[in-house]
Amino acid sequence: MNTKLIFGFSILCVVCFLELTAAKPKFKFNSDSTALKCHRCKLDKFPNWVYRCTKLKSLDFSHNKISEIPDSLYLLPNLEILILRDNKLELLGKELIKLEQLKHLDLSKNRISYVSESILENKELEKLELWSNLLSFLPSNIHTLPNLKYLDLRLNTFDNKEQEKLKIQFKSKKIYFSKNCNCGG
């Protein structure tokens, strides 16, 4: 086995593993961390210890089994990047409202069929990745997000009419769809 691969894992993933196996590790948690990456840790929810990292700017819990974004996310006020790709999320509700610094949100490869209008509160949002979900529409005024420059909607169920509407609204920004289909429109 490749030793670089073995030792390349983040220490925080070790913490995930120990929490999941109900071990009681003696571990000094670094609450000054600004980035946290925990892939394939079999997380089904946000672990409580993550809220001790109030200086976090980047949080990546992709490739887990998380089914909802917790309301307590506001306890991470400096978060700029949130990556929850390839989890089991179904809704995007009001959980992100108080993340005033959020610039990049990646919720790709989930089961999201609904995006709440509360997403419009994230005025700093520049990049929104929602590819490979179950979306057929977005909030009608999502194009009013002042800093949004990149929107990835590939592999969703937008019909031709909805795609054309969004293309017009985002004509000066990067927006990505899969090839047009006749999905009922």
C-alpha atoms as a PDB file:
ATOM      1  CA  MET A   1       0.000   0.000   0.000  1.00  0.00           C
ATOM      2  CA  ASN A   2       1.227   3.496  -0.806  1.00  0.00           C
ATOM      3  CA  THR A   3       2.558   5.127   2.392  1.00  0.00           C
ATOM      4  CA  LYS A   4       1.952   8.606   0.988  1.00  0.00           C
ATOM      5  CA  LEU A   5      -1.714   7.716   0.695  1.00  0.00           C
ATOM      6  CA  ILE A   6      -1.850   6.379   4.251  1.00  0.00           C
ATOM      7  CA  PHE A   7      -0.185   9.427   5.793  1.00  0.00           C
ATOM      8  CA  GLY A   8      -1.925  11.885   3.461  1.00  0.00           C
ATOM      9  CA  PHE A   9      -5.197  11.704   5.381  1.00  0.00           C
ATOM     10  CA  SER A  10      -6.125  14.744   7.391  1.00  0.00           C
ATOM     11  CA  ILE A  11      -5.858  14.398  11.155  1.00  0.00           C
ATOM     12  CA  LEU A  12      -9.437  15.605  11.304  1.00  0.00           C
ATOM     13  CA  CYS A  13     -10.527  12.545   9.348  1.00  0.00           C
ATOM     14  CA  VAL A  14      -8.930  10.485  12.094  1.00  0.00           C
ATOM     15  CA  VAL A  15     -11.108  12.399  14.545  1.00  0.00           C
ATOM     16  CA  CYS A  16     -14.146  11.568  12.380  1.00  0.00           C
ATOM     17  CA  PHE A  17     -13.205   7.908  12.410  1.00  0.00           C
ATOM     18  CA  LEU A  18     -12.677   7.865  16.163  1.00  0.00           C
ATOM     19  CA  GLU A  19     -16.010   9.596  16.787  1.00  0.00           C
ATOM     20  CA  LEU A  20     -17.792   7.174  14.505  1.00  0.00           C
ATOM     21  CA  THR A  21     -16.282   4.178  16.238  1.00  0.00           C
ATOM     22  CA  ALA A  22     -17.294   5.647  19.630  1.00  0.00           C
ATOM     23  CA  ALA A  23     -13.696   5.741  20.796  1.00  0.00           C
ATOM     24  CA  LYS A  24     -12.764   8.381  23.347  1.00  0.00           C
ATOM     25  CA  PRO A  25      -9.614   9.855  21.839  1.00  0.00           C
ATOM     26  CA  LYS A  26      -7.248  12.035  23.808  1.00  0.00           C
ATOM     27  CA  PHE A  27      -6.811  14.602  21.113  1.00  0.00           C
ATOM     28  CA  LYS A  28      -6.055  18.299  21.300  1.00  0.00           C
ATOM     29  CA  PHE A  29      -8.525  19.836  18.918  1.00  0.00           C
ATOM     30  CA  ASN A  30      -7.207  22.797  16.972  1.00  0.00           C
ATOM     31  CA  SER A  31     -10.031  25.294  17.084  1.00  0.00           C
ATOM     32  CA  ASP A  32      -7.875  27.802  15.158  1.00  0.00           C
ATOM     33  CA  SER A  33      -8.144  25.789  11.945  1.00  0.00           C
ATOM     34  CA  THR A  34      -9.375  27.708   8.917  1.00  0.00           C
ATOM     35  CA  ALA A  35      -9.954  24.686   6.671  1.00  0.00           C
ATOM     36  CA  LEU A  36     -11.513  21.324   7.395  1.00  0.00           C
ATOM     37  CA  LYS A  37     -11.781  18.453   4.952  1.00  0.00           C
ATOM     38  CA  CYS A  38     -13.422  15.173   5.894  1.00  0.00           C
ATOM     39  CA  HIS A  39     -14.205  12.992   2.859  1.00  0.00           C
ATOM     40  CA  ARG A  40     -15.710   9.535   3.050  1.00  0.00           C
ATOM     41  CA  CYS A  41     -15.929   9.570   6.847  1.00  0.00           C
ATOM     42  CA  LYS A  42     -19.415   7.991   6.816  1.00  0.00           C
ATOM     43  CA  LEU A  43     -20.861  11.086   8.486  1.00  0.00           C
ATOM     44  CA  ASP A  44     -24.657  11.184   8.512  1.00  0.00           C
ATOM     45  CA  LYS A  45     -24.757  14.606  10.196  1.00  0.00           C
ATOM     46  CA  PHE A  46     -22.445  17.443  11.125  1.00  0.00           C
ATOM     47  CA  PRO A  47     -20.399  16.379  14.157  1.00  0.00           C
ATOM     48  CA  ASN A  48     -20.707  18.677  17.188  1.00  0.00           C
ATOM     49  CA  TRP A  49     -16.966  19.258  17.401  1.00  0.00           C
ATOM     50  CA  VAL A  50     -17.004  21.177  14.109  1.00  0.00           C
ATOM     51  CA  TYR A  51     -18.691  24.160  15.805  1.00  0.00           C
ATOM     52  CA  ARG A  52     -15.610  24.644  17.978  1.00  0.00           C
ATOM     53  CA  CYS A  53     -13.750  25.768  14.843  1.00  0.00           C
ATOM     54  CA  THR A  54     -15.211  29.256  14.737  1.00  0.00           C
ATOM     55  CA  LYS A  55     -12.397  30.479  12.469  1.00  0.00           C
ATOM     56  CA  LEU A  56     -13.233  28.032   9.692  1.00  0.00           C
ATOM     57  CA  LYS A  57     -13.268  29.563   6.221  1.00  0.00           C
ATOM     58  CA  SER A  58     -13.540  26.306   4.284  1.00  0.00           C
ATOM     59  CA  LEU A  59     -15.561  23.226   5.226  1.00  0.00           C
ATOM     60  CA  ASP A  60     -15.621  20.169   2.982  1.00  0.00           C
ATOM     61  CA  PHE A  61     -17.788  17.222   4.055  1.00  0.00           C
ATOM     62  CA  SER A  62     -18.180  15.748   0.574  1.00  0.00           C
ATOM     63  CA  HIS A  63     -18.751  12.033  -0.083  1.00  0.00           C
ATOM     64  CA  ASN A  64     -20.563  11.317   3.177  1.00  0.00           C
ATOM     65  CA  LYS A  65     -24.187  10.483   4.069  1.00  0.00           C
ATOM     66  CA  ILE A  66     -25.368  13.850   5.411  1.00  0.00           C
ATOM     67  CA  SER A  67     -29.105  14.299   4.828  1.00  0.00           C
ATOM     68  CA  GLU A  68     -29.658  17.821   6.150  1.00  0.00           C
ATOM     69  CA  ILE A  69     -27.796  21.053   6.654  1.00  0.00           C
ATOM     70  CA  PRO A  70     -28.095  22.002  10.324  1.00  0.00           C
ATOM     71  CA  ASP A  71     -29.548  25.328  11.463  1.00  0.00           C
ATOM     72  CA  SER A  72     -26.534  25.677  13.777  1.00  0.00           C
ATOM     73  CA  LEU A  73     -24.280  26.405  10.803  1.00  0.00           C
ATOM     74  CA  TYR A  74     -24.468  30.075  11.822  1.00  0.00           C
ATOM     75  CA  LEU A  75     -21.940  29.158  14.540  1.00  0.00           C
ATOM     76  CA  LEU A  76     -19.344  29.216  11.748  1.00  0.00           C
ATOM     77  CA  PRO A  77     -19.639  32.916  10.818  1.00  0.00           C
ATOM     78  CA  ASN A  78     -16.388  33.087   8.807  1.00  0.00           C
ATOM     79  CA  LEU A  79     -17.292  30.282   6.419  1.00  0.00           C
ATOM     80  CA  GLU A  80     -16.550  31.244   2.809  1.00  0.00           C
ATOM     81  CA  ILE A  81     -16.522  27.806   1.182  1.00  0.00           C
ATOM     82  CA  LEU A  82     -19.007  25.031   1.949  1.00  0.00           C
ATOM     83  CA  ILE A  83     -18.697  21.786   0.011  1.00  0.00           C
ATOM     84  CA  LEU A  84     -21.283  19.079   0.632  1.00  0.00           C
ATOM     85  CA  ARG A  85     -20.989  17.289  -2.705  1.00  0.00           C
ATOM     86  CA  ASP A  86     -22.189  13.692  -2.909  1.00  0.00           C
ATOM     87  CA  ASN A  87     -24.306  13.413   0.231  1.00  0.00           C
ATOM     88  CA  LYS A  88     -28.039  12.738   0.715  1.00  0.00           C
ATOM     89  CA  LEU A  89     -29.394  16.292   0.882  1.00  0.00           C
ATOM     90  CA  GLU A  90     -32.927  16.818  -0.436  1.00  0.00           C
ATOM     91  CA  LEU A  91     -33.729  20.450   0.417  1.00  0.00           C
ATOM     92  CA  LEU A  92     -31.890  23.722   0.557  1.00  0.00           C
ATOM     93  CA  GLY A  93     -33.822  25.785   3.077  1.00  0.00           C
ATOM     94  CA  LYS A  94     -32.966  28.640   5.426  1.00  0.00           C
ATOM     95  CA  GLU A  95     -29.860  27.051   6.958  1.00  0.00           C
ATOM     96  CA  LEU A  96     -27.439  29.256   5.042  1.00  0.00           C
ATOM     97  CA  ILE A  97     -28.970  32.676   5.753  1.00  0.00           C
ATOM     98  CA  LYS A  98     -26.527  33.701   8.461  1.00  0.00           C
ATOM     99  CA  LEU A  99     -23.444  32.679   6.504  1.00  0.00           C
ATOM    100  CA  GLU A 100     -22.775  36.232   5.398  1.00  0.00           C
ATOM    101  CA  GLN A 101     -19.258  35.490   4.102  1.00  0.00           C
ATOM    102  CA  LEU A 102     -20.234  32.474   1.962  1.00  0.00           C
ATOM    103  CA  LYS A 103     -18.701  32.749  -1.521  1.00  0.00           C
ATOM    104  CA  HIS A 104     -18.661  29.180  -2.831  1.00  0.00           C
ATOM    105  CA  LEU A 105     -21.405  26.616  -2.235  1.00  0.00           C
ATOM    106  CA  ASP A 106     -21.141  23.142  -3.745  1.00  0.00           C
ATOM    107  CA  LEU A 107     -24.172  20.894  -3.245  1.00  0.00           C
ATOM    108  CA  SER A 108     -23.628  18.754  -6.345  1.00  0.00           C
ATOM    109  CA  LYS A 109     -24.543  15.064  -6.514  1.00  0.00           C
ATOM    110  CA  ASN A 110     -27.300  15.164  -3.917  1.00  0.00           C
ATOM    111  CA  ARG A 111     -31.074  14.711  -4.160  1.00  0.00           C
ATOM    112  CA  ILE A 112     -32.060  18.366  -3.945  1.00  0.00           C
ATOM    113  CA  SER A 113     -35.393  19.132  -5.567  1.00  0.00           C
ATOM    114  CA  TYR A 114     -36.048  22.500  -3.931  1.00  0.00           C
ATOM    115  CA  VAL A 115     -33.963  25.624  -3.330  1.00  0.00           C
ATOM    116  CA  SER A 116     -35.519  28.126  -0.932  1.00  0.00           C
ATOM    117  CA  GLU A 117     -35.635  31.832  -1.776  1.00  0.00           C
ATOM    118  CA  SER A 118     -33.539  32.323   1.354  1.00  0.00           C
ATOM    119  CA  ILE A 119     -30.499  31.596  -0.861  1.00  0.00           C
ATOM    120  CA  LEU A 120     -30.919  35.214  -1.995  1.00  0.00           C
ATOM    121  CA  GLU A 121     -29.706  36.354   1.436  1.00  0.00           C
ATOM    122  CA  ASN A 122     -26.195  35.162   0.583  1.00  0.00           C
ATOM    123  CA  LYS A 123     -25.091  38.405  -1.060  1.00  0.00           C
ATOM    124  CA  GLU A 124     -21.404  37.379  -1.245  1.00  0.00           C
ATOM    125  CA  LEU A 125     -22.115  34.122  -3.102  1.00  0.00           C
ATOM    126  CA  GLU A 126     -19.978  33.946  -6.258  1.00  0.00           C
ATOM    127  CA  LYS A 127     -20.067  30.265  -7.198  1.00  0.00           C
ATOM    128  CA  LEU A 128     -23.064  27.927  -6.829  1.00  0.00           C
ATOM    129  CA  GLU A 129     -22.723  24.300  -7.886  1.00  0.00           C
ATOM    130  CA  LEU A 130     -25.934  22.291  -8.008  1.00  0.00           C
ATOM    131  CA  TRP A 131     -25.150  19.798 -10.751  1.00  0.00           C
ATOM    132  CA  SER A 132     -26.604  16.292 -10.581  1.00  0.00           C
ATOM    133  CA  ASN A 133     -29.617  16.963  -8.393  1.00  0.00           C
ATOM    134  CA  LEU A 134     -33.380  16.767  -9.001  1.00  0.00           C
ATOM    135  CA  LEU A 135     -34.016  20.448  -9.740  1.00  0.00           C
ATOM    136  CA  SER A 136     -36.546  21.581 -12.312  1.00  0.00           C
ATOM    137  CA  PHE A 137     -36.693  25.251 -11.236  1.00  0.00           C
ATOM    138  CA  LEU A 138     -34.886  27.801  -9.071  1.00  0.00           C
ATOM    139  CA  PRO A 139     -36.192  30.841  -7.192  1.00  0.00           C
ATOM    140  CA  SER A 140     -37.380  33.252  -9.883  1.00  0.00           C
ATOM    141  CA  ASN A 141     -35.061  36.063  -8.851  1.00  0.00           C
ATOM    142  CA  ILE A 142     -31.895  34.057  -8.212  1.00  0.00           C
ATOM    143  CA  HIS A 143     -30.239  36.151 -10.923  1.00  0.00           C
ATOM    144  CA  THR A 144     -30.364  39.139  -8.536  1.00  0.00           C
ATOM    145  CA  LEU A 145     -27.564  37.716  -6.388  1.00  0.00           C
ATOM    146  CA  PRO A 146     -25.098  40.579  -6.876  1.00  0.00           C
ATOM    147  CA  ASN A 147     -21.835  38.604  -6.900  1.00  0.00           C
ATOM    148  CA  LEU A 148     -22.931  35.315  -8.482  1.00  0.00           C
ATOM    149  CA  LYS A 149     -20.653  34.665 -11.457  1.00  0.00           C
ATOM    150  CA  TYR A 150     -20.850  30.890 -11.855  1.00  0.00           C
ATOM    151  CA  LEU A 151     -23.883  28.596 -11.713  1.00  0.00           C
ATOM    152  CA  ASP A 152     -23.631  24.893 -12.573  1.00  0.00           C
ATOM    153  CA  LEU A 153     -26.982  23.194 -13.146  1.00  0.00           C
ATOM    154  CA  ARG A 154     -25.912  20.256 -15.302  1.00  0.00           C
ATOM    155  CA  LEU A 155     -27.695  16.909 -14.886  1.00  0.00           C
ATOM    156  CA  ASN A 156     -30.915  18.288 -13.426  1.00  0.00           C
ATOM    157  CA  THR A 157     -34.427  18.139 -14.864  1.00  0.00           C
ATOM    158  CA  PHE A 158     -34.873  21.691 -16.190  1.00  0.00           C
ATOM    159  CA  ASP A 159     -37.110  21.752 -19.246  1.00  0.00           C
ATOM    160  CA  ASN A 160     -36.163  23.820 -22.330  1.00  0.00           C
ATOM    161  CA  LYS A 161     -38.355  26.755 -21.309  1.00  0.00           C
ATOM    162  CA  GLU A 162     -36.790  27.016 -17.837  1.00  0.00           C
ATOM    163  CA  GLN A 163     -33.283  26.686 -19.278  1.00  0.00           C
ATOM    164  CA  GLU A 164     -33.908  29.493 -21.761  1.00  0.00           C
ATOM    165  CA  LYS A 165     -35.308  31.738 -19.013  1.00  0.00           C
ATOM    166  CA  LEU A 166     -32.235  31.180 -16.860  1.00  0.00           C
ATOM    167  CA  LYS A 167     -29.853  31.692 -19.783  1.00  0.00           C
ATOM    168  CA  ILE A 168     -31.438  35.081 -20.462  1.00  0.00           C
ATOM    169  CA  GLN A 169     -31.277  36.058 -16.786  1.00  0.00           C
ATOM    170  CA  PHE A 170     -27.621  35.018 -16.544  1.00  0.00           C
ATOM    171  CA  LYS A 171     -26.478  36.162 -19.971  1.00  0.00           C
ATOM    172  CA  SER A 172     -23.336  37.881 -18.635  1.00  0.00           C
ATOM    173  CA  LYS A 173     -22.434  35.083 -16.216  1.00  0.00           C
ATOM    174  CA  LYS A 174     -21.288  31.484 -16.563  1.00  0.00           C
ATOM    175  CA  ILE A 175     -24.225  29.105 -16.382  1.00  0.00           C
ATOM    176  CA  TYR A 176     -23.989  25.437 -17.276  1.00  0.00           C
ATOM    177  CA  PHE A 177     -26.731  23.015 -18.274  1.00  0.00           C
ATOM    178  CA  SER A 178     -26.678  19.579 -19.802  1.00  0.00           C
ATOM    179  CA  LYS A 179     -27.810  19.419 -23.407  1.00  0.00           C
ATOM    180  CA  ASN A 180     -31.394  20.517 -23.848  1.00  0.00           C
ATOM    181  CA  CYS A 181     -33.998  17.820 -23.473  1.00  0.00           C
ATOM    182  CA  ASN A 182     -37.711  17.646 -23.977  1.00  0.00           C
ATOM    183  CA  CYS A 183     -38.397  16.951 -20.327  1.00  0.00           C
ATOM    184  CA  GLY A 184     -42.028  17.973 -20.485  1.00  0.00           C
ATOM    185  CA  GLY A 185     -41.483  21.533 -21.716  1.00  0.00           C
END
